[in-house]
Amino acid sequence: GMTPVRLFGCYGPRPNAEKYLEASFGALWRGYFETVAGGH
């Protein structure tokens, strides 16, 4: 009874990703992290 919705990466600034993620995370993965951690 729920609706699955695809998570998309944040396309703009990513301050949380820059603060918490190491360099091994590429741009797309940093976008996903920012979407979640940044309250998007």
Full PDB file with SEQRES, HELIX, SHEET, SSBOND, CRYST1, ORIGX, SCALE, CONECT and MASTER records, all heavy atoms in Angstrom:
SEQRES   1 A   40  GLY MET THR PRO VAL ARG LEU PHE GLY CYS TYR GLY PRO          
SEQRES   2 A   40  ARG PRO ASN ALA GLU LYS TYR LEU GLU ALA SER PHE GLY          
SEQRES   3 A   40  ALA LEU TRP ARG GLY TYR PHE GLU THR VAL ALA GLY GLY          
SEQRES   4 A   40  HIS                                                          
HELIX    1 AA1 PRO A   15  TYR A   20  1                                   6    
HELIX    2 AA2 ALA A   27  ALA A   37  1                                  11    
CRYST1    1.000    1.000    1.000  90.00  90.00  90.00 P 1           1          
ORIGX1      1.000000  0.000000  0.000000        0.00000                         
ORIGX2      0.000000  1.000000  0.000000        0.00000                         
ORIGX3      0.000000  0.000000  1.000000        0.00000                         
SCALE1      1.000000  0.000000  0.000000        0.00000                         
SCALE2      0.000000  1.000000  0.000000        0.00000                         
SCALE3      0.000000  0.000000  1.000000        0.00000                         
ATOM      1  N   GLY A   1       0.781  -1.229   0.000  1.00  0.00           N  
ATOM      2  CA  GLY A   1       0.000   0.000   0.000  1.00  0.00           C  
ATOM      3  C   GLY A   1       0.813   1.278   0.000  1.00  0.00           C  
ATOM      4  O   GLY A   1       0.282   2.350   0.324  1.00  0.00           O  
ATOM      5  N   MET A   2       2.097   1.195  -0.373  1.00  0.00           N  
ATOM      6  CA  MET A   2       2.954   2.373  -0.414  1.00  0.00           C  
ATOM      7  C   MET A   2       3.455   2.598  -1.838  1.00  0.00           C  
ATOM      8  O   MET A   2       3.319   1.721  -2.702  1.00  0.00           O  
ATOM      9  CB  MET A   2       4.124   2.206   0.558  1.00  0.00           C  
ATOM     10  CG  MET A   2       3.676   2.022   2.007  1.00  0.00           C  
ATOM     11  SD  MET A   2       5.037   1.754   3.177  1.00  0.00           S  
ATOM     12  CE  MET A   2       5.586   0.107   2.706  1.00  0.00           C  
ATOM     13  N   THR A   3       4.019   3.774  -2.093  1.00  0.00           N  
ATOM     14  CA  THR A   3       4.472   4.133  -3.430  1.00  0.00           C  
ATOM     15  C   THR A   3       5.986   4.228  -3.463  1.00  0.00           C  
ATOM     16  O   THR A   3       6.566   5.067  -2.769  1.00  0.00           O  
ATOM     17  CB  THR A   3       3.876   5.481  -3.872  1.00  0.00           C  
ATOM     18  OG1 THR A   3       2.447   5.399  -3.855  1.00  0.00           O  
ATOM     19  CG2 THR A   3       4.345   5.847  -5.272  1.00  0.00           C  
ATOM     20  N   PRO A   4       6.666   3.395  -4.257  1.00  0.00           N  
ATOM     21  CA  PRO A   4       8.123   3.515  -4.385  1.00  0.00           C  
ATOM     22  C   PRO A   4       8.485   4.699  -5.279  1.00  0.00           C  
ATOM     23  O   PRO A   4       7.891   4.896  -6.345  1.00  0.00           O  
ATOM     24  CB  PRO A   4       8.530   2.189  -5.035  1.00  0.00           C  
ATOM     25  CG  PRO A   4       7.311   1.766  -5.801  1.00  0.00           C  
ATOM     26  CD  PRO A   4       6.117   2.266  -5.041  1.00  0.00           C  
ATOM     27  N   VAL A   5       9.446   5.497  -4.843  1.00  0.00           N  
ATOM     28  CA  VAL A   5       9.879   6.673  -5.593  1.00  0.00           C  
ATOM     29  C   VAL A   5      11.400   6.658  -5.635  1.00  0.00           C  
ATOM     30  O   VAL A   5      12.055   6.532  -4.594  1.00  0.00           O  
ATOM     31  CB  VAL A   5       9.382   7.982  -4.941  1.00  0.00           C  
ATOM     32  CG1 VAL A   5       9.765   9.179  -5.806  1.00  0.00           C  
ATOM     33  CG2 VAL A   5       7.877   7.946  -4.727  1.00  0.00           C  
ATOM     34  N   ARG A   6      11.956   6.818  -6.799  1.00  0.00           N  
ATOM     35  CA  ARG A   6      13.412   6.773  -6.972  1.00  0.00           C  
ATOM     36  C   ARG A   6      14.076   8.003  -6.336  1.00  0.00           C  
ATOM     37  O   ARG A   6      13.634   9.136  -6.546  1.00  0.00           O  
ATOM     38  CB  ARG A   6      13.732   6.740  -8.463  1.00  0.00           C  
ATOM     39  CG  ARG A   6      15.212   6.829  -8.821  1.00  0.00           C  
ATOM     40  CD  ARG A   6      15.884   5.507  -8.703  1.00  0.00           C  
ATOM     41  NE  ARG A   6      17.285   5.586  -9.173  1.00  0.00           N  
ATOM     42  CZ  ARG A   6      18.067   4.541  -9.332  1.00  0.00           C  
ATOM     43  NH1 ARG A   6      17.597   3.335  -9.072  1.00  0.00           N  
ATOM     44  NH2 ARG A   6      19.314   4.671  -9.734  1.00  0.00           N  
ATOM     45  N   LEU A   7      15.124   7.779  -5.561  1.00  0.00           N  
ATOM     46  CA  LEU A   7      15.913   8.875  -5.005  1.00  0.00           C  
ATOM     47  C   LEU A   7      16.846   9.408  -6.084  1.00  0.00           C  
ATOM     48  O   LEU A   7      17.539   8.649  -6.758  1.00  0.00           O  
ATOM     49  CB  LEU A   7      16.735   8.387  -3.820  1.00  0.00           C  
ATOM     50  CG  LEU A   7      17.565   9.464  -3.114  1.00  0.00           C  
ATOM     51  CD1 LEU A   7      16.687  10.264  -2.170  1.00  0.00           C  
ATOM     52  CD2 LEU A   7      18.723   8.835  -2.346  1.00  0.00           C  
ATOM     53  N   PHE A   8      16.853  10.738  -6.255  1.00  0.00           N  
ATOM     54  CA  PHE A   8      17.750  11.375  -7.204  1.00  0.00           C  
ATOM     55  C   PHE A   8      18.757  12.234  -6.461  1.00  0.00           C  
ATOM     56  O   PHE A   8      18.462  12.790  -5.404  1.00  0.00           O  
ATOM     57  CB  PHE A   8      16.968  12.216  -8.216  1.00  0.00           C  
ATOM     58  CG  PHE A   8      16.360  11.402  -9.316  1.00  0.00           C  
ATOM     59  CD1 PHE A   8      15.234  10.621  -9.090  1.00  0.00           C  
ATOM     60  CD2 PHE A   8      16.926  11.398 -10.579  1.00  0.00           C  
ATOM     61  CE1 PHE A   8      14.680   9.843 -10.097  1.00  0.00           C  
ATOM     62  CE2 PHE A   8      16.378  10.627 -11.603  1.00  0.00           C  
ATOM     63  CZ  PHE A   8      15.263   9.853 -11.371  1.00  0.00           C  
ATOM     64  N   GLY A   9      19.952  12.358  -7.031  1.00  0.00           N  
ATOM     65  CA  GLY A   9      21.016  13.100  -6.385  1.00  0.00           C  
ATOM     66  C   GLY A   9      20.807  14.595  -6.437  1.00  0.00           C  
ATOM     67  O   GLY A   9      20.221  15.128  -7.383  1.00  0.00           O  
ATOM     68  N   CYS A  10      21.283  15.278  -5.415  1.00  0.00           N  
ATOM     69  CA  CYS A  10      21.216  16.737  -5.362  1.00  0.00           C  
ATOM     70  C   CYS A  10      22.149  17.316  -6.423  1.00  0.00           C  
ATOM     71  O   CYS A  10      23.338  17.008  -6.449  1.00  0.00           O  
ATOM     72  CB  CYS A  10      21.616  17.224  -3.974  1.00  0.00           C  
ATOM     73  SG  CYS A  10      21.611  19.014  -3.801  1.00  0.00           S  
ATOM     74  N   TYR A  11      21.615  18.172  -7.265  1.00  0.00           N  
ATOM     75  CA  TYR A  11      22.377  18.720  -8.384  1.00  0.00           C  
ATOM     76  C   TYR A  11      23.114  19.999  -8.017  1.00  0.00           C  
ATOM     77  O   TYR A  11      24.016  20.429  -8.720  1.00  0.00           O  
ATOM     78  CB  TYR A  11      21.430  18.987  -9.559  1.00  0.00           C  
ATOM     79  CG  TYR A  11      22.118  19.214 -10.879  1.00  0.00           C  
ATOM     80  CD1 TYR A  11      22.816  18.180 -11.491  1.00  0.00           C  
ATOM     81  CD2 TYR A  11      22.070  20.442 -11.522  1.00  0.00           C  
ATOM     82  CE1 TYR A  11      23.441  18.368 -12.712  1.00  0.00           C  
ATOM     83  CE2 TYR A  11      22.694  20.644 -12.743  1.00  0.00           C  
ATOM     84  CZ  TYR A  11      23.378  19.597 -13.333  1.00  0.00           C  
ATOM     85  OH  TYR A  11      24.007  19.790 -14.534  1.00  0.00           O  
ATOM     86  N   GLY A  12      22.734  20.628  -6.915  1.00  0.00           N  
ATOM     87  CA  GLY A  12      23.339  21.896  -6.517  1.00  0.00           C  
ATOM     88  C   GLY A  12      24.473  21.723  -5.531  1.00  0.00           C  
ATOM     89  O   GLY A  12      25.150  20.690  -5.505  1.00  0.00           O  
ATOM     90  N   PRO A  13      24.697  22.719  -4.667  1.00  0.00           N  
ATOM     91  CA  PRO A  13      25.770  22.634  -3.663  1.00  0.00           C  
ATOM     92  C   PRO A  13      25.582  21.433  -2.735  1.00  0.00           C  
ATOM     93  O   PRO A  13      24.455  21.034  -2.433  1.00  0.00           O  
ATOM     94  CB  PRO A  13      25.628  23.958  -2.897  1.00  0.00           C  
ATOM     95  CG  PRO A  13      24.929  24.879  -3.852  1.00  0.00           C  
ATOM     96  CD  PRO A  13      23.998  24.013  -4.636  1.00  0.00           C  
ATOM     97  N   ARG A  14      26.699  20.873  -2.261  1.00  0.00           N  
ATOM     98  CA  ARG A  14      26.652  19.660  -1.444  1.00  0.00           C  
ATOM     99  C   ARG A  14      27.523  19.827  -0.197  1.00  0.00           C  
ATOM    100  O   ARG A  14      28.531  19.114  -0.027  1.00  0.00           O  
ATOM    101  CB  ARG A  14      27.130  18.465  -2.266  1.00  0.00           C  
ATOM    102  CG  ARG A  14      26.308  18.253  -3.529  1.00  0.00           C  
ATOM    103  CD  ARG A  14      27.027  17.371  -4.506  1.00  0.00           C  
ATOM    104  NE  ARG A  14      26.294  17.320  -5.768  1.00  0.00           N  
ATOM    105  CZ  ARG A  14      26.772  16.806  -6.889  1.00  0.00           C  
ATOM    106  NH1 ARG A  14      27.987  16.307  -6.904  1.00  0.00           N  
ATOM    107  NH2 ARG A  14      26.063  16.813  -7.990  1.00  0.00           N  
ATOM    108  N   PRO A  15      27.162  20.734   0.688  1.00  0.00           N  
ATOM    109  CA  PRO A  15      28.022  20.992   1.858  1.00  0.00           C  
ATOM    110  C   PRO A  15      28.151  19.788   2.780  1.00  0.00           C  
ATOM    111  O   PRO A  15      29.220  19.554   3.356  1.00  0.00           O  
ATOM    112  CB  PRO A  15      27.328  22.162   2.550  1.00  0.00           C  
ATOM    113  CG  PRO A  15      25.903  22.120   2.068  1.00  0.00           C  
ATOM    114  CD  PRO A  15      25.984  21.626   0.664  1.00  0.00           C  
ATOM    115  N   ASN A  16      27.086  19.011   2.952  1.00  0.00           N  
ATOM    116  CA  ASN A  16      27.173  17.840   3.833  1.00  0.00           C  
ATOM    117  C   ASN A  16      28.082  16.769   3.243  1.00  0.00           C  
ATOM    118  O   ASN A  16      28.859  16.139   3.957  1.00  0.00           O  
ATOM    119  CB  ASN A  16      25.772  17.274   4.068  1.00  0.00           C  
ATOM    120  CG  ASN A  16      24.918  18.180   4.925  1.00  0.00           C  
ATOM    121  OD1 ASN A  16      25.048  18.206   6.140  1.00  0.00           O  
ATOM    122  ND2 ASN A  16      24.040  18.939   4.285  1.00  0.00           N  
ATOM    123  N   ALA A  17      27.980  16.564   1.944  1.00  0.00           N  
ATOM    124  CA  ALA A  17      28.847  15.588   1.300  1.00  0.00           C  
ATOM    125  C   ALA A  17      30.307  16.006   1.396  1.00  0.00           C  
ATOM    126  O   ALA A  17      31.189  15.178   1.648  1.00  0.00           O  
ATOM    127  CB  ALA A  17      28.441  15.423  -0.165  1.00  0.00           C  
ATOM    128  N   GLU A  18      30.563  17.298   1.218  1.00  0.00           N  
ATOM    129  CA  GLU A  18      31.939  17.773   1.317  1.00  0.00           C  
ATOM    130  C   GLU A  18      32.478  17.615   2.738  1.00  0.00           C  
ATOM    131  O   GLU A  18      33.673  17.369   2.939  1.00  0.00           O  
ATOM    132  CB  GLU A  18      32.005  19.246   0.886  1.00  0.00           C  
ATOM    133  CG  GLU A  18      31.642  19.497  -0.568  1.00  0.00           C  
ATOM    134  CD  GLU A  18      32.492  18.687  -1.527  1.00  0.00           C  
ATOM    135  OE1 GLU A  18      33.722  18.603  -1.296  1.00  0.00           O  
ATOM    136  OE2 GLU A  18      31.938  18.109  -2.484  1.00  0.00           O  
ATOM    137  N   LYS A  19      31.605  17.728   3.711  1.00  0.00           N  
ATOM    138  CA  LYS A  19      32.037  17.635   5.108  1.00  0.00           C  
ATOM    139  C   LYS A  19      32.296  16.198   5.537  1.00  0.00           C  
ATOM    140  O   LYS A  19      33.263  15.919   6.263  1.00  0.00           O  
ATOM    141  CB  LYS A  19      30.973  18.274   6.005  1.00  0.00           C  
ATOM    142  CG  LYS A  19      31.300  18.212   7.495  1.00  0.00           C  
ATOM    143  CD  LYS A  19      30.210  18.904   8.325  1.00  0.00           C  
ATOM    144  CE  LYS A  19      30.509  18.837   9.811  1.00  0.00           C  
ATOM    145  NZ  LYS A  19      29.443  19.494  10.619  1.00  0.00           N  
ATOM    146  N   TYR A  20      31.467  15.258   5.091  1.00  0.00           N  
ATOM    147  CA  TYR A  20      31.496  13.919   5.661  1.00  0.00           C  
ATOM    148  C   TYR A  20      32.111  12.840   4.767  1.00  0.00           C  
ATOM    149  O   TYR A  20      32.541  11.800   5.280  1.00  0.00           O  
ATOM    150  CB  TYR A  20      30.077  13.486   6.044  1.00  0.00           C  
ATOM    151  CG  TYR A  20      29.503  14.239   7.208  1.00  0.00           C  
ATOM    152  CD1 TYR A  20      28.532  15.218   7.019  1.00  0.00           C  
ATOM    153  CD2 TYR A  20      29.927  13.974   8.508  1.00  0.00           C  
ATOM    154  CE1 TYR A  20      27.989  15.916   8.092  1.00  0.00           C  
ATOM    155  CE2 TYR A  20      29.398  14.659   9.582  1.00  0.00           C  
ATOM    156  CZ  TYR A  20      28.431  15.634   9.375  1.00  0.00           C  
ATOM    157  OH  TYR A  20      27.904  16.326  10.432  1.00  0.00           O  
ATOM    158  N   LEU A  21      32.114  13.022   3.460  1.00  0.00           N  
ATOM    159  CA  LEU A  21      32.534  11.941   2.570  1.00  0.00           C  
ATOM    160  C   LEU A  21      33.977  12.086   2.128  1.00  0.00           C  
ATOM    161  O   LEU A  21      34.446  13.189   1.858  1.00  0.00           O  
ATOM    162  CB  LEU A  21      31.625  11.901   1.325  1.00  0.00           C  
ATOM    163  CG  LEU A  21      30.146  11.618   1.562  1.00  0.00           C  
ATOM    164  CD1 LEU A  21      29.421  11.488   0.235  1.00  0.00           C  
ATOM    165  CD2 LEU A  21      29.946  10.374   2.415  1.00  0.00           C  
ATOM    166  N   GLU A  22      34.670  10.942   2.022  1.00  0.00           N  
ATOM    167  CA  GLU A  22      36.039  10.963   1.531  1.00  0.00           C  
ATOM    168  C   GLU A  22      36.039  11.025   0.009  1.00  0.00           C  
ATOM    169  O   GLU A  22      35.002  10.910  -0.649  1.00  0.00           O  
ATOM    170  CB  GLU A  22      36.809   9.743   2.022  1.00  0.00           C  
ATOM    171  CG  GLU A  22      36.302   8.418   1.481  1.00  0.00           C  
ATOM    172  CD  GLU A  22      35.311   7.738   2.392  1.00  0.00           C  
ATOM    173  OE1 GLU A  22      34.612   8.436   3.145  1.00  0.00           O  
ATOM    174  OE2 GLU A  22      35.229   6.498   2.352  1.00  0.00           O  
ATOM    175  N   ALA A  23      37.231  11.162  -0.549  1.00  0.00           N  
ATOM    176  CA  ALA A  23      37.367  11.403  -1.984  1.00  0.00           C  
ATOM    177  C   ALA A  23      36.907  10.228  -2.832  1.00  0.00           C  
ATOM    178  O   ALA A  23      36.613  10.397  -4.020  1.00  0.00           O  
ATOM    179  CB  ALA A  23      38.822  11.740  -2.318  1.00  0.00           C  
ATOM    180  N   SER A  24      36.844   9.024  -2.257  1.00  0.00           N  
ATOM    181  CA  SER A  24      36.470   7.856  -3.052  1.00  0.00           C  
ATOM    182  C   SER A  24      35.028   7.912  -3.543  1.00  0.00           C  
ATOM    183  O   SER A  24      34.658   7.170  -4.451  1.00  0.00           O  
ATOM    184  CB  SER A  24      36.687   6.572  -2.242  1.00  0.00           C  
ATOM    185  OG  SER A  24      35.855   6.552  -1.094  1.00  0.00           O  
ATOM    186  N   PHE A  25      34.210   8.776  -2.961  1.00  0.00           N  
ATOM    187  CA  PHE A  25      32.835   8.929  -3.427  1.00  0.00           C  
ATOM    188  C   PHE A  25      32.808   9.885  -4.616  1.00  0.00           C  
ATOM    189  O   PHE A  25      33.164  11.063  -4.485  1.00  0.00           O  
ATOM    190  CB  PHE A  25      31.940   9.480  -2.309  1.00  0.00           C  
ATOM    191  CG  PHE A  25      31.589   8.470  -1.256  1.00  0.00           C  
ATOM    192  CD1 PHE A  25      32.375   8.314  -0.131  1.00  0.00           C  
ATOM    193  CD2 PHE A  25      30.476   7.662  -1.400  1.00  0.00           C  
ATOM    194  CE1 PHE A  25      32.059   7.387   0.840  1.00  0.00           C  
ATOM    195  CE2 PHE A  25      30.144   6.729  -0.436  1.00  0.00           C  
ATOM    196  CZ  PHE A  25      30.934   6.591   0.690  1.00  0.00           C  
ATOM    197  N   GLY A  26      32.379   9.383  -5.768  1.00  0.00           N  
ATOM    198  CA  GLY A  26      32.265  10.214  -6.954  1.00  0.00           C  
ATOM    199  C   GLY A  26      31.100  11.187  -6.860  1.00  0.00           C  
ATOM    200  O   GLY A  26      30.323  11.188  -5.899  1.00  0.00           O  
ATOM    201  N   ALA A  27      30.955  12.004  -7.907  1.00  0.00           N  
ATOM    202  CA  ALA A  27      29.990  13.111  -7.897  1.00  0.00           C  
ATOM    203  C   ALA A  27      28.553  12.624  -7.713  1.00  0.00           C  
ATOM    204  O   ALA A  27      27.775  13.239  -6.975  1.00  0.00           O  
ATOM    205  CB  ALA A  27      30.128  13.910  -9.188  1.00  0.00           C  
ATOM    206  N   LEU A  28      28.184  11.558  -8.403  1.00  0.00           N  
ATOM    207  CA  LEU A  28      26.804  11.077  -8.301  1.00  0.00           C  
ATOM    208  C   LEU A  28      26.488  10.617  -6.888  1.00  0.00           C  
ATOM    209  O   LEU A  28      25.413  10.916  -6.337  1.00  0.00           O  
ATOM    210  CB  LEU A  28      26.589   9.937  -9.291  1.00  0.00           C  
ATOM    211  CG  LEU A  28      25.148   9.437  -9.450  1.00  0.00           C  
ATOM    212  CD1 LEU A  28      24.258  10.523 -10.005  1.00  0.00           C  
ATOM    213  CD2 LEU A  28      25.101   8.209 -10.351  1.00  0.00           C  
ATOM    214  N   TRP A  29      27.427   9.899  -6.261  1.00  0.00           N  
ATOM    215  CA  TRP A  29      27.206   9.391  -4.909  1.00  0.00           C  
ATOM    216  C   TRP A  29      27.153  10.529  -3.894  1.00  0.00           C  
ATOM    217  O   TRP A  29      26.400  10.479  -2.924  1.00  0.00           O  
ATOM    218  CB  TRP A  29      28.313   8.401  -4.543  1.00  0.00           C  
ATOM    219  CG  TRP A  29      28.508   7.380  -5.620  1.00  0.00           C  
ATOM    220  CD1 TRP A  29      29.532   7.315  -6.517  1.00  0.00           C  
ATOM    221  CD2 TRP A  29      27.621   6.312  -5.956  1.00  0.00           C  
ATOM    222  NE1 TRP A  29      29.348   6.264  -7.377  1.00  0.00           N  
ATOM    223  CE2 TRP A  29      28.187   5.627  -7.052  1.00  0.00           C  
ATOM    224  CE3 TRP A  29      26.416   5.851  -5.431  1.00  0.00           C  
ATOM    225  CZ2 TRP A  29      27.580   4.522  -7.639  1.00  0.00           C  
ATOM    226  CZ3 TRP A  29      25.809   4.749  -6.004  1.00  0.00           C  
ATOM    227  CH2 TRP A  29      26.392   4.095  -7.096  1.00  0.00           C  
ATOM    228  N   ARG A  30      27.936  11.554  -4.124  1.00  0.00           N  
ATOM    229  CA  ARG A  30      27.895  12.724  -3.250  1.00  0.00           C  
ATOM    230  C   ARG A  30      26.539  13.417  -3.367  1.00  0.00           C  
ATOM    231  O   ARG A  30      26.006  13.951  -2.381  1.00  0.00           O  
ATOM    232  CB  ARG A  30      29.030  13.683  -3.596  1.00  0.00           C  
ATOM    233  CG  ARG A  30      30.394  13.045  -3.481  1.00  0.00           C  
ATOM    234  CD  ARG A  30      31.526  13.959  -3.918  1.00  0.00           C  
ATOM    235  NE  ARG A  30      32.050  14.703  -2.780  1.00  0.00           N  
ATOM    236  CZ  ARG A  30      32.912  14.219  -1.915  1.00  0.00           C  
ATOM    237  NH1 ARG A  30      33.352  12.988  -2.028  1.00  0.00           N  
ATOM    238  NH2 ARG A  30      33.358  14.963  -0.927  1.00  0.00           N  
ATOM    239  N   GLY A  31      25.986  13.398  -4.563  1.00  0.00           N  
ATOM    240  CA  GLY A  31      24.656  13.965  -4.746  1.00  0.00           C  
ATOM    241  C   GLY A  31      23.592  13.214  -3.970  1.00  0.00           C  
ATOM    242  O   GLY A  31      22.698  13.808  -3.363  1.00  0.00           O  
ATOM    243  N   TYR A  32      23.664  11.873  -3.967  1.00  0.00           N  
ATOM    244  CA  TYR A  32      22.722  11.074  -3.192  1.00  0.00           C  
ATOM    245  C   TYR A  32      22.847  11.395  -1.696  1.00  0.00           C  
ATOM    246  O   TYR A  32      21.841  11.551  -0.995  1.00  0.00           O  
ATOM    247  CB  TYR A  32      22.980   9.576  -3.399  1.00  0.00           C  
ATOM    248  CG  TYR A  32      22.669   9.054  -4.778  1.00  0.00           C  
ATOM    249  CD1 TYR A  32      23.499   8.115  -5.382  1.00  0.00           C  
ATOM    250  CD2 TYR A  32      21.540   9.477  -5.466  1.00  0.00           C  
ATOM    251  CE1 TYR A  32      23.207   7.613  -6.647  1.00  0.00           C  
ATOM    252  CE2 TYR A  32      21.243   8.991  -6.730  1.00  0.00           C  
ATOM    253  CZ  TYR A  32      22.088   8.059  -7.319  1.00  0.00           C  
ATOM    254  OH  TYR A  32      21.806   7.566  -8.560  1.00  0.00           O  
ATOM    255  N   PHE A  33      24.094  11.462  -1.234  1.00  0.00           N  
ATOM    256  CA  PHE A  33      24.305  11.750   0.188  1.00  0.00           C  
ATOM    257  C   PHE A  33      23.706  13.099   0.554  1.00  0.00           C  
ATOM    258  O   PHE A  33      23.044  13.238   1.598  1.00  0.00           O  
ATOM    259  CB  PHE A  33      25.807  11.732   0.501  1.00  0.00           C  
ATOM    260  CG  PHE A  33      26.124  11.894   1.962  1.00  0.00           C  
ATOM    261  CD1 PHE A  33      26.179  10.792   2.798  1.00  0.00           C  
ATOM    262  CD2 PHE A  33      26.337  13.147   2.511  1.00  0.00           C  
ATOM    263  CE1 PHE A  33      26.472  10.933   4.155  1.00  0.00           C  
ATOM    264  CE2 PHE A  33      26.629  13.309   3.859  1.00  0.00           C  
ATOM    265  CZ  PHE A  33      26.691  12.203   4.682  1.00  0.00           C  
ATOM    266  N   GLU A  34      23.900  14.092  -0.288  1.00  0.00           N  
ATOM    267  CA  GLU A  34      23.393  15.434   0.018  1.00  0.00           C  
ATOM    268  C   GLU A  34      21.871  15.463   0.024  1.00  0.00           C  
ATOM    269  O   GLU A  34      21.251  16.143   0.844  1.00  0.00           O  
ATOM    270  CB  GLU A  34      23.941  16.446  -0.987  1.00  0.00           C  
ATOM    271  CG  GLU A  34      23.659  17.894  -0.619  1.00  0.00           C  
ATOM    272  CD  GLU A  34      24.362  18.300   0.664  1.00  0.00           C  
ATOM    273  OE1 GLU A  34      25.514  17.865   0.889  1.00  0.00           O  
ATOM    274  OE2 GLU A  34      23.749  19.056   1.448  1.00  0.00           O  
ATOM    275  N   THR A  35      21.249  14.729  -0.884  1.00  0.00           N  
ATOM    276  CA  THR A  35      19.792  14.682  -0.917  1.00  0.00           C  
ATOM    277  C   THR A  35      19.241  14.217   0.423  1.00  0.00           C  
ATOM    278  O   THR A  35      18.275  14.791   0.954  1.00  0.00           O  
ATOM    279  CB  THR A  35      19.302  13.740  -2.030  1.00  0.00           C  
ATOM    280  OG1 THR A  35      19.696  14.280  -3.298  1.00  0.00           O  
ATOM    281  CG2 THR A  35      17.779  13.605  -2.011  1.00  0.00           C  
ATOM    282  N   VAL A  36      19.865  13.187   0.994  1.00  0.00           N  
ATOM    283  CA  VAL A  36      19.383  12.618   2.252  1.00  0.00           C  
ATOM    284  C   VAL A  36      19.836  13.458   3.441  1.00  0.00           C  
ATOM    285  O   VAL A  36      19.016  13.891   4.264  1.00  0.00           O  
ATOM    286  CB  VAL A  36      19.868  11.158   2.397  1.00  0.00           C  
ATOM    287  CG1 VAL A  36      19.455  10.590   3.752  1.00  0.00           C  
ATOM    288  CG2 VAL A  36      19.308  10.305   1.268  1.00  0.00           C  
ATOM    289  N   ALA A  37      21.134  13.692   3.560  1.00  0.00           N  
ATOM    290  CA  ALA A  37      21.670  14.398   4.730  1.00  0.00           C  
ATOM    291  C   ALA A  37      21.288  15.867   4.746  1.00  0.00           C  
ATOM    292  O   ALA A  37      21.198  16.484   5.813  1.00  0.00           O  
ATOM    293  CB  ALA A  37      23.192  14.258   4.766  1.00  0.00           C  
ATOM    294  N   GLY A  38      21.057  16.437   3.565  1.00  0.00           N  
ATOM    295  CA  GLY A  38      20.723  17.853   3.484  1.00  0.00           C  
ATOM    296  C   GLY A  38      19.246  18.164   3.612  1.00  0.00           C  
ATOM    297  O   GLY A  38      18.835  19.313   3.464  1.00  0.00           O  
ATOM    298  N   GLY A  39      18.427  17.148   3.885  1.00  0.00           N  
ATOM    299  CA  GLY A  39      17.001  17.378   4.101  1.00  0.00           C  
ATOM    300  C   GLY A  39      16.203  17.650   2.846  1.00  0.00           C  
ATOM    301  O   GLY A  39      15.133  18.276   2.907  1.00  0.00           O  
ATOM    302  N   HIS A  40      16.678  17.160   1.686  1.00  0.00           N  
ATOM    303  CA  HIS A  40      15.987  17.442   0.423  1.00  0.00           C  
ATOM    304  C   HIS A  40      14.838  16.481   0.138  1.00  0.00           C  
ATOM    305  O   HIS A  40      14.212  16.576  -0.921  1.00  0.00           O  
ATOM    306  CB  HIS A  40      16.985  17.405  -0.736  1.00  0.00           C  
ATOM    307  CG  HIS A  40      18.027  18.471  -0.665  1.00  0.00           C  
ATOM    308  ND1 HIS A  40      17.776  19.780  -1.016  1.00  0.00           N  
ATOM    309  CD2 HIS A  40      19.315  18.431  -0.263  1.00  0.00           C  
ATOM    310  CE1 HIS A  40      18.862  20.502  -0.858  1.00  0.00           C  
ATOM    311  NE2 HIS A  40      19.818  19.713  -0.391  1.00  0.00           N  
TER     312      HIS A  40                                                      
MASTER        0    0    0    2    0    0    0    6  311    1    0    4          
END                                                                             
